[in-house]
Amino acid sequence: MTLRNPSQKSLISEEHANALIAELVTLGFSRNEALIYLHLLQSGSEAGVSQIASITSLHRQYVYTALPALIREGLIEEVLRGKQTKYKAHSPQIIETIGRKKALAASDLARSLNQISAIGNEQDFEVIQGTRAIQEYELLRAQSEEEGAEEYIIGGATAAFSELMGDTLAPYLAIRARKKARIKYLGTADERPLYQKYVGTLAHQEYRFMSSLPKGETHMIIRKDSVSFYTFLTPPLVYIVKSERVASNYRAFFEMLWEMGKA
């Protein structure tokens, strides 16, 4: 199977195309869906069902069956041209979002299964790397968290976190507000103005600032069943230790610092 890009007069070899299709299939797409997306992506232009069927050698009915899933996942969009309906591909970057959603869903499922497992690990570990990946992780995690979920944060890098989130900071904070996230934030004294201007406007949270807390390029978020360590260097990283026991120990450490922050 060979796909041609009419505008660039280039070819994707059968071996290369099959490898890309196989990777899309591992993300949960059918082979027909992957083939159609690959064609639209390489062509870079809009195409109707007949054109897609002709170039991919798929029956028209198979094309019609595959298109809704691709639209639902955001990989392609439907475009009306008079009485004709055409389709065009979106950027492959959307696949990162799809992958992150599936990873979060898998993580939630693993936690649920671990609760009934007689085997279960006591801890697990995950690393998120890069600005875009961390932004997507934060947004999807915020959307999937329970209402009123608690967080304990040892900060010192409010400016770095705000800069990393960029244009996604506002929707992220809106989600946190809607979910009524309960936050205790312990930061450095010089963070106070920036924190209170943005994150500090949310309800259901407390914050204290310590002059003795070192300002740096990191912060830590303690949740019910995990501890996340953020490093705001290049590239930015999030190290996530998934363990209720570890989280409980760090929560006790946080509460000790919280009491010290009263002064």
C-alpha atoms as a PDB file:
ATOM      1  CA  MET A   1       0.000   0.000   0.000  1.00  0.00           C
ATOM      2  CA  THR A   2       1.468   3.349  -1.109  1.00  0.00           C
ATOM      3  CA  LEU A   3       0.070   6.809  -0.481  1.00  0.00           C
ATOM      4  CA  ARG A   4       0.840   9.716  -2.772  1.00  0.00           C
ATOM      5  CA  ASN A   5       0.866  13.381  -1.860  1.00  0.00           C
ATOM      6  CA  PRO A   6      -0.272  15.101  -5.065  1.00  0.00           C
ATOM      7  CA  SER A   7       0.978  18.551  -4.007  1.00  0.00           C
ATOM      8  CA  GLN A   8       4.484  17.413  -3.044  1.00  0.00           C
ATOM      9  CA  LYS A   9       4.822  14.584  -5.573  1.00  0.00           C
ATOM     10  CA  SER A  10       6.351  12.467  -2.800  1.00  0.00           C
ATOM     11  CA  LEU A  11       5.706   8.907  -1.766  1.00  0.00           C
ATOM     12  CA  ILE A  12       5.325   7.198   1.564  1.00  0.00           C
ATOM     13  CA  SER A  13       6.645   3.684   1.181  1.00  0.00           C
ATOM     14  CA  GLU A  14       4.428   0.758   2.009  1.00  0.00           C
ATOM     15  CA  GLU A  15       6.739  -0.195   4.880  1.00  0.00           C
ATOM     16  CA  HIS A  16       6.660   3.319   6.372  1.00  0.00           C
ATOM     17  CA  ALA A  17       2.899   3.662   5.946  1.00  0.00           C
ATOM     18  CA  ASN A  18       2.235   0.294   7.533  1.00  0.00           C
ATOM     19  CA  ALA A  19       4.466   1.192  10.484  1.00  0.00           C
ATOM     20  CA  LEU A  20       2.544   4.448  11.063  1.00  0.00           C
ATOM     21  CA  ILE A  21      -0.797   2.664  10.736  1.00  0.00           C
ATOM     22  CA  ALA A  22       0.331   0.026  13.242  1.00  0.00           C
ATOM     23  CA  GLU A  23       1.206   2.762  15.759  1.00  0.00           C
ATOM     24  CA  LEU A  24      -2.197   4.411  15.300  1.00  0.00           C
ATOM     25  CA  VAL A  25      -3.864   1.027  15.801  1.00  0.00           C
ATOM     26  CA  THR A  26      -2.058   0.676  19.161  1.00  0.00           C
ATOM     27  CA  LEU A  27      -3.795   3.913  20.209  1.00  0.00           C
ATOM     28  CA  GLY A  28      -7.163   2.300  19.602  1.00  0.00           C
ATOM     29  CA  PHE A  29      -7.935   3.279  15.993  1.00  0.00           C
ATOM     30  CA  SER A  30      -9.050   0.724  13.434  1.00  0.00           C
ATOM     31  CA  ARG A  31      -6.810   0.059  10.454  1.00  0.00           C
ATOM     32  CA  ASN A  32      -9.297   1.828   8.148  1.00  0.00           C
ATOM     33  CA  GLU A  33      -9.419   4.888  10.408  1.00  0.00           C
ATOM     34  CA  ALA A  34      -5.623   5.023  10.514  1.00  0.00           C
ATOM     35  CA  LEU A  35      -5.352   4.668   6.733  1.00  0.00           C
ATOM     36  CA  ILE A  36      -7.851   7.475   6.111  1.00  0.00           C
ATOM     37  CA  TYR A  37      -6.155   9.838   8.564  1.00  0.00           C
ATOM     38  CA  LEU A  38      -2.762   9.081   7.039  1.00  0.00           C
ATOM     39  CA  HIS A  39      -4.085   9.920   3.564  1.00  0.00           C
ATOM     40  CA  LEU A  40      -5.690  13.210   4.641  1.00  0.00           C
ATOM     41  CA  LEU A  41      -2.618  14.154   6.655  1.00  0.00           C
ATOM     42  CA  GLN A  42      -0.227  13.583   3.784  1.00  0.00           C
ATOM     43  CA  SER A  43      -2.420  15.247   1.171  1.00  0.00           C
ATOM     44  CA  GLY A  44      -2.794  18.361   3.318  1.00  0.00           C
ATOM     45  CA  SER A  45      -6.043  19.216   1.542  1.00  0.00           C
ATOM     46  CA  GLU A  46      -9.764  18.533   1.784  1.00  0.00           C
ATOM     47  CA  ALA A  47     -11.189  15.384   0.236  1.00  0.00           C
ATOM     48  CA  GLY A  48     -14.629  13.882  -0.235  1.00  0.00           C
ATOM     49  CA  VAL A  49     -15.622  10.309   0.490  1.00  0.00           C
ATOM     50  CA  SER A  50     -15.221   9.205  -3.134  1.00  0.00           C
ATOM     51  CA  GLN A  51     -11.690  10.620  -3.357  1.00  0.00           C
ATOM     52  CA  ILE A  52     -10.713   9.060  -0.024  1.00  0.00           C
ATOM     53  CA  ALA A  53     -12.140   5.698  -1.118  1.00  0.00           C
ATOM     54  CA  SER A  54     -10.271   5.855  -4.423  1.00  0.00           C
ATOM     55  CA  ILE A  55      -6.854   6.695  -2.992  1.00  0.00           C
ATOM     56  CA  THR A  56      -7.065   4.328   0.009  1.00  0.00           C
ATOM     57  CA  SER A  57      -8.716   1.504  -1.991  1.00  0.00           C
ATOM     58  CA  LEU A  58     -11.408   1.264   0.673  1.00  0.00           C
ATOM     59  CA  HIS A  59     -15.072   0.688  -0.130  1.00  0.00           C
ATOM     60  CA  ARG A  60     -17.113   3.874   0.293  1.00  0.00           C
ATOM     61  CA  GLN A  61     -19.150   2.270   3.097  1.00  0.00           C
ATOM     62  CA  TYR A  62     -15.956   1.548   5.061  1.00  0.00           C
ATOM     63  CA  VAL A  63     -14.959   5.193   4.666  1.00  0.00           C
ATOM     64  CA  TYR A  64     -18.359   6.381   5.906  1.00  0.00           C
ATOM     65  CA  THR A  65     -18.070   4.011   8.883  1.00  0.00           C
ATOM     66  CA  ALA A  66     -14.577   5.213   9.840  1.00  0.00           C
ATOM     67  CA  LEU A  67     -15.078   8.986   9.570  1.00  0.00           C
ATOM     68  CA  PRO A  68     -17.229   9.557  12.729  1.00  0.00           C
ATOM     69  CA  ALA A  69     -14.564   8.110  15.044  1.00  0.00           C
ATOM     70  CA  LEU A  70     -11.865  10.303  13.510  1.00  0.00           C
ATOM     71  CA  ILE A  71     -14.075  13.380  13.900  1.00  0.00           C
ATOM     72  CA  ARG A  72     -14.957  12.465  17.488  1.00  0.00           C
ATOM     73  CA  GLU A  73     -11.282  12.131  18.427  1.00  0.00           C
ATOM     74  CA  GLY A  74     -10.468  15.462  16.778  1.00  0.00           C
ATOM     75  CA  LEU A  75      -8.108  14.057  14.142  1.00  0.00           C
ATOM     76  CA  ILE A  76     -10.202  15.330  11.228  1.00  0.00           C
ATOM     77  CA  GLU A  77     -13.030  17.778  10.692  1.00  0.00           C
ATOM     78  CA  GLU A  78     -16.031  17.889   8.395  1.00  0.00           C
ATOM     79  CA  VAL A  79     -16.139  20.814   5.959  1.00  0.00           C
ATOM     80  CA  LEU A  80     -19.259  21.774   3.982  1.00  0.00           C
ATOM     81  CA  ARG A  81     -18.613  23.057   0.462  1.00  0.00           C
ATOM     82  CA  GLY A  82     -22.029  23.903  -0.925  1.00  0.00           C
ATOM     83  CA  LYS A  83     -23.850  20.598  -1.241  1.00  0.00           C
ATOM     84  CA  GLN A  84     -20.637  18.604  -0.865  1.00  0.00           C
ATOM     85  CA  THR A  85     -19.116  17.369   2.369  1.00  0.00           C
ATOM     86  CA  LYS A  86     -15.354  17.128   2.564  1.00  0.00           C
ATOM     87  CA  TYR A  87     -12.878  16.211   5.260  1.00  0.00           C
ATOM     88  CA  LYS A  88      -9.464  17.494   6.264  1.00  0.00           C
ATOM     89  CA  ALA A  89      -6.882  16.381   8.806  1.00  0.00           C
ATOM     90  CA  HIS A  90      -5.872  18.218  11.947  1.00  0.00           C
ATOM     91  CA  SER A  91      -2.281  18.471  13.190  1.00  0.00           C
ATOM     92  CA  PRO A  92      -0.738  15.250  14.539  1.00  0.00           C
ATOM     93  CA  GLN A  93      -0.167  17.124  17.823  1.00  0.00           C
ATOM     94  CA  ILE A  94      -3.723  16.127  18.761  1.00  0.00           C
ATOM     95  CA  ILE A  95      -2.440  12.562  19.111  1.00  0.00           C
ATOM     96  CA  GLU A  96      -0.470  13.652  22.185  1.00  0.00           C
ATOM     97  CA  THR A  97      -3.745  14.728  23.799  1.00  0.00           C
ATOM     98  CA  ILE A  98      -5.432  11.458  22.819  1.00  0.00           C
ATOM     99  CA  GLY A  99      -2.518   9.499  24.244  1.00  0.00           C
ATOM    100  CA  ARG A 100      -2.572  11.495  27.474  1.00  0.00           C
ATOM    101  CA  LYS A 101      -6.340  10.938  27.885  1.00  0.00           C
ATOM    102  CA  LYS A 102      -5.886   7.211  27.409  1.00  0.00           C
ATOM    103  CA  ALA A 103      -2.962   7.191  29.841  1.00  0.00           C
ATOM    104  CA  LEU A 104      -5.021   8.972  32.502  1.00  0.00           C
ATOM    105  CA  ALA A 105      -7.935   6.615  31.927  1.00  0.00           C
ATOM    106  CA  ALA A 106      -5.574   3.655  32.220  1.00  0.00           C
ATOM    107  CA  SER A 107      -4.087   5.115  35.400  1.00  0.00           C
ATOM    108  CA  ASP A 108      -7.552   5.548  36.937  1.00  0.00           C
ATOM    109  CA  LEU A 109      -8.469   1.999  35.952  1.00  0.00           C
ATOM    110  CA  ALA A 110      -5.232   0.638  37.407  1.00  0.00           C
ATOM    111  CA  ARG A 111      -5.956   2.385  40.722  1.00  0.00           C
ATOM    112  CA  SER A 112      -9.471   0.937  40.793  1.00  0.00           C
ATOM    113  CA  LEU A 113      -8.214  -2.556  40.006  1.00  0.00           C
ATOM    114  CA  ASN A 114      -5.434  -2.228  42.565  1.00  0.00           C
ATOM    115  CA  GLN A 115      -8.050  -1.730  45.253  1.00  0.00           C
ATOM    116  CA  ILE A 116      -9.419  -5.215  44.649  1.00  0.00           C
ATOM    117  CA  SER A 117      -6.117  -6.860  43.696  1.00  0.00           C
ATOM    118  CA  ALA A 118      -4.415  -9.398  45.933  1.00  0.00           C
ATOM    119  CA  ILE A 119      -1.144  -8.622  44.151  1.00  0.00           C
ATOM    120  CA  GLY A 120      -0.986  -4.799  43.886  1.00  0.00           C
ATOM    121  CA  ASN A 121       2.278  -2.869  43.915  1.00  0.00           C
ATOM    122  CA  GLU A 122       2.962  -0.572  46.844  1.00  0.00           C
ATOM    123  CA  GLN A 123       4.178   2.163  44.519  1.00  0.00           C
ATOM    124  CA  ASP A 124       4.567   3.161  40.880  1.00  0.00           C
ATOM    125  CA  PHE A 125       6.343   5.940  38.988  1.00  0.00           C
ATOM    126  CA  GLU A 126       5.705   8.171  35.963  1.00  0.00           C
ATOM    127  CA  VAL A 127       7.600  11.016  34.287  1.00  0.00           C
ATOM    128  CA  ILE A 128       6.028  13.802  32.193  1.00  0.00           C
ATOM    129  CA  GLN A 129       8.494  15.800  30.076  1.00  0.00           C
ATOM    130  CA  GLY A 130       8.124  19.029  28.113  1.00  0.00           C
ATOM    131  CA  THR A 131       5.909  22.104  28.306  1.00  0.00           C
ATOM    132  CA  ARG A 132       3.108  20.842  26.050  1.00  0.00           C
ATOM    133  CA  ALA A 133       2.960  17.433  27.735  1.00  0.00           C
ATOM    134  CA  ILE A 134       2.810  18.991  31.208  1.00  0.00           C
ATOM    135  CA  GLN A 135       0.110  21.464  30.151  1.00  0.00           C
ATOM    136  CA  GLU A 136      -2.022  18.631  28.784  1.00  0.00           C
ATOM    137  CA  TYR A 137      -1.353  16.506  31.854  1.00  0.00           C
ATOM    138  CA  GLU A 138      -2.430  19.321  34.197  1.00  0.00           C
ATOM    139  CA  LEU A 139      -5.614  20.077  32.245  1.00  0.00           C
ATOM    140  CA  LEU A 140      -6.670  16.455  31.912  1.00  0.00           C
ATOM    141  CA  ARG A 141      -5.808  15.647  35.521  1.00  0.00           C
ATOM    142  CA  ALA A 142      -7.828  18.653  36.711  1.00  0.00           C
ATOM    143  CA  GLN A 143     -10.795  17.562  34.597  1.00  0.00           C
ATOM    144  CA  SER A 144     -10.704  13.992  35.911  1.00  0.00           C
ATOM    145  CA  GLU A 145     -10.212  14.737  39.616  1.00  0.00           C
ATOM    146  CA  GLU A 146     -13.040  14.353  42.115  1.00  0.00           C
ATOM    147  CA  GLU A 147     -14.882  17.423  43.334  1.00  0.00           C
ATOM    148  CA  GLY A 148     -13.295  18.778  46.488  1.00  0.00           C
ATOM    149  CA  ALA A 149     -10.046  16.824  46.003  1.00  0.00           C
ATOM    150  CA  GLU A 150      -7.293  17.929  48.393  1.00  0.00           C
ATOM    151  CA  GLU A 151      -3.801  19.109  47.484  1.00  0.00           C
ATOM    152  CA  TYR A 152      -0.869  20.096  49.678  1.00  0.00           C
ATOM    153  CA  ILE A 153       1.724  22.171  47.838  1.00  0.00           C
ATOM    154  CA  ILE A 154       5.233  23.128  48.866  1.00  0.00           C
ATOM    155  CA  GLY A 155       5.977  25.897  46.415  1.00  0.00           C
ATOM    156  CA  GLY A 156       8.626  28.450  45.690  1.00  0.00           C
ATOM    157  CA  ALA A 157       8.128  28.562  41.937  1.00  0.00           C
ATOM    158  CA  THR A 158       4.747  30.197  41.324  1.00  0.00           C
ATOM    159  CA  ALA A 159       6.161  32.366  38.535  1.00  0.00           C
ATOM    160  CA  ALA A 160       7.761  29.357  36.839  1.00  0.00           C
ATOM    161  CA  PHE A 161       4.534  27.328  36.983  1.00  0.00           C
ATOM    162  CA  SER A 162       2.486  30.254  35.637  1.00  0.00           C
ATOM    163  CA  GLU A 163       4.962  30.756  32.788  1.00  0.00           C
ATOM    164  CA  LEU A 164       4.969  27.048  31.959  1.00  0.00           C
ATOM    165  CA  MET A 165       1.162  26.889  31.792  1.00  0.00           C
ATOM    166  CA  GLY A 166       1.039  29.991  29.558  1.00  0.00           C
ATOM    167  CA  ASP A 167      -2.309  30.389  27.780  1.00  0.00           C
ATOM    168  CA  THR A 168      -3.604  27.227  29.450  1.00  0.00           C
ATOM    169  CA  LEU A 169      -3.352  28.769  32.956  1.00  0.00           C
ATOM    170  CA  ALA A 170      -6.754  30.506  32.779  1.00  0.00           C
ATOM    171  CA  PRO A 171      -8.735  27.407  31.686  1.00  0.00           C
ATOM    172  CA  TYR A 172      -6.767  25.328  34.194  1.00  0.00           C
ATOM    173  CA  LEU A 173      -7.737  27.653  37.063  1.00  0.00           C
ATOM    174  CA  ALA A 174     -11.344  27.700  35.835  1.00  0.00           C
ATOM    175  CA  ILE A 175     -11.479  23.902  36.024  1.00  0.00           C
ATOM    176  CA  ARG A 176      -9.956  23.930  39.522  1.00  0.00           C
ATOM    177  CA  ALA A 177     -12.565  26.468  40.645  1.00  0.00           C
ATOM    178  CA  ARG A 178     -15.418  24.419  39.178  1.00  0.00           C
ATOM    179  CA  LYS A 179     -14.116  21.270  40.871  1.00  0.00           C
ATOM    180  CA  LYS A 180     -13.808  23.147  44.197  1.00  0.00           C
ATOM    181  CA  ALA A 181     -10.285  21.873  44.694  1.00  0.00           C
ATOM    182  CA  ARG A 182      -9.180  22.217  48.322  1.00  0.00           C
ATOM    183  CA  ILE A 183      -5.608  23.486  48.455  1.00  0.00           C
ATOM    184  CA  LYS A 184      -3.070  24.251  51.132  1.00  0.00           C
ATOM    185  CA  TYR A 185      -0.155  26.178  49.659  1.00  0.00           C
ATOM    186  CA  LEU A 186       3.131  26.828  51.431  1.00  0.00           C
ATOM    187  CA  GLY A 187       5.368  29.234  49.521  1.00  0.00           C
ATOM    188  CA  THR A 188       8.193  31.726  49.803  1.00  0.00           C
ATOM    189  CA  ALA A 189       7.558  35.247  51.079  1.00  0.00           C
ATOM    190  CA  ASP A 190       8.294  36.937  47.735  1.00  0.00           C
ATOM    191  CA  GLU A 191       5.717  34.729  45.975  1.00  0.00           C
ATOM    192  CA  ARG A 192       2.798  36.250  47.852  1.00  0.00           C
ATOM    193  CA  PRO A 193       1.792  38.995  45.334  1.00  0.00           C
ATOM    194  CA  LEU A 194       1.835  36.725  42.263  1.00  0.00           C
ATOM    195  CA  TYR A 195       0.157  33.805  44.014  1.00  0.00           C
ATOM    196  CA  GLN A 196      -2.621  35.923  45.470  1.00  0.00           C
ATOM    197  CA  LYS A 197      -3.207  37.582  42.086  1.00  0.00           C
ATOM    198  CA  TYR A 198      -3.855  34.329  40.240  1.00  0.00           C
ATOM    199  CA  VAL A 199      -4.167  31.037  42.112  1.00  0.00           C
ATOM    200  CA  GLY A 200      -5.012  32.704  45.402  1.00  0.00           C
ATOM    201  CA  THR A 201      -8.292  34.039  44.016  1.00  0.00           C
ATOM    202  CA  LEU A 202      -9.797  30.544  44.095  1.00  0.00           C
ATOM    203  CA  ALA A 203     -12.080  29.571  46.935  1.00  0.00           C
ATOM    204  CA  HIS A 204     -11.526  26.548  49.170  1.00  0.00           C
ATOM    205  CA  GLN A 205      -7.860  27.161  49.766  1.00  0.00           C
ATOM    206  CA  GLU A 206      -5.433  28.342  52.394  1.00  0.00           C
ATOM    207  CA  TYR A 207      -1.918  29.634  51.957  1.00  0.00           C
ATOM    208  CA  ARG A 208       1.025  30.616  54.082  1.00  0.00           C
ATOM    209  CA  PHE A 209       4.404  32.046  53.176  1.00  0.00           C
ATOM    210  CA  MET A 210       7.729  31.447  54.877  1.00  0.00           C
ATOM    211  CA  SER A 211      10.767  33.671  54.567  1.00  0.00           C
ATOM    212  CA  SER A 212      12.977  30.688  55.407  1.00  0.00           C
ATOM    213  CA  LEU A 213      11.589  28.516  52.586  1.00  0.00           C
ATOM    214  CA  PRO A 214      14.147  28.463  49.744  1.00  0.00           C
ATOM    215  CA  LYS A 215      13.098  29.904  46.404  1.00  0.00           C
ATOM    216  CA  GLY A 216      14.029  27.658  43.529  1.00  0.00           C
ATOM    217  CA  GLU A 217      13.070  25.913  40.309  1.00  0.00           C
ATOM    218  CA  THR A 218      10.955  23.187  41.885  1.00  0.00           C
ATOM    219  CA  HIS A 219       7.759  22.542  43.744  1.00  0.00           C
ATOM    220  CA  MET A 220       5.910  19.557  45.145  1.00  0.00           C
ATOM    221  CA  ILE A 221       2.225  18.609  45.084  1.00  0.00           C
ATOM    222  CA  ILE A 222       0.950  15.986  47.522  1.00  0.00           C
ATOM    223  CA  ARG A 223      -2.364  14.334  46.699  1.00  0.00           C
ATOM    224  CA  LYS A 224      -4.340  11.478  48.238  1.00  0.00           C
ATOM    225  CA  ASP A 225      -2.416   8.743  46.448  1.00  0.00           C
ATOM    226  CA  SER A 226       0.584  10.419  44.831  1.00  0.00           C
ATOM    227  CA  VAL A 227       3.400  12.924  45.210  1.00  0.00           C
ATOM    228  CA  SER A 228       4.464  14.999  42.185  1.00  0.00           C
ATOM    229  CA  PHE A 229       7.837  16.729  41.973  1.00  0.00           C
ATOM    230  CA  TYR A 230       8.085  19.563  39.425  1.00  0.00           C
ATOM    231  CA  THR A 231      11.377  20.879  38.039  1.00  0.00           C
ATOM    232  CA  PHE A 232      11.143  24.033  35.941  1.00  0.00           C
ATOM    233  CA  LEU A 233      14.445  23.754  34.098  1.00  0.00           C
ATOM    234  CA  THR A 234      14.932  22.807  30.432  1.00  0.00           C
ATOM    235  CA  PRO A 235      13.080  20.670  29.634  1.00  0.00           C
ATOM    236  CA  PRO A 236      10.519  20.959  32.446  1.00  0.00           C
ATOM    237  CA  LEU A 237       9.735  17.653  34.135  1.00  0.00           C
ATOM    238  CA  VAL A 238       7.146  16.187  36.485  1.00  0.00           C
ATOM    239  CA  TYR A 239       8.118  13.101  38.480  1.00  0.00           C
ATOM    240  CA  ILE A 240       5.053  11.334  39.904  1.00  0.00           C
ATOM    241  CA  VAL A 241       5.355   8.763  42.685  1.00  0.00           C
ATOM    242  CA  LYS A 242       2.057   6.872  42.959  1.00  0.00           C
ATOM    243  CA  SER A 243       1.644   5.476  46.435  1.00  0.00           C
ATOM    244  CA  GLU A 244      -0.835   6.216  49.229  1.00  0.00           C
ATOM    245  CA  ARG A 245       1.788   5.381  51.850  1.00  0.00           C
ATOM    246  CA  VAL A 246       4.356   7.738  50.355  1.00  0.00           C
ATOM    247  CA  ALA A 247       1.696  10.431  49.977  1.00  0.00           C
ATOM    248  CA  SER A 248       0.682   9.985  53.618  1.00  0.00           C
ATOM    249  CA  ASN A 249       4.285  10.391  54.796  1.00  0.00           C
ATOM    250  CA  TYR A 250       4.794  13.553  52.749  1.00  0.00           C
ATOM    251  CA  ARG A 251       1.480  14.914  53.981  1.00  0.00           C
ATOM    252  CA  ALA A 252       2.732  14.589  57.564  1.00  0.00           C
ATOM    253  CA  PHE A 253       5.927  16.402  56.549  1.00  0.00           C
ATOM    254  CA  PHE A 254       3.849  19.156  54.950  1.00  0.00           C
ATOM    255  CA  GLU A 255       1.718  19.602  58.074  1.00  0.00           C
ATOM    256  CA  MET A 256       4.876  20.039  60.137  1.00  0.00           C
ATOM    257  CA  LEU A 257       6.042  22.835  57.821  1.00  0.00           C
ATOM    258  CA  TRP A 258       2.518  24.284  57.780  1.00  0.00           C
ATOM    259  CA  GLU A 259       2.594  24.693  61.558  1.00  0.00           C
ATOM    260  CA  MET A 260       5.993  26.353  61.307  1.00  0.00           C
ATOM    261  CA  GLY A 261       4.520  28.762  58.781  1.00  0.00           C
ATOM    262  CA  LYS A 262       2.167  30.234  61.400  1.00  0.00           C
ATOM    263  CA  ALA A 263       4.890  32.469  62.742  1.00  0.00           C
END
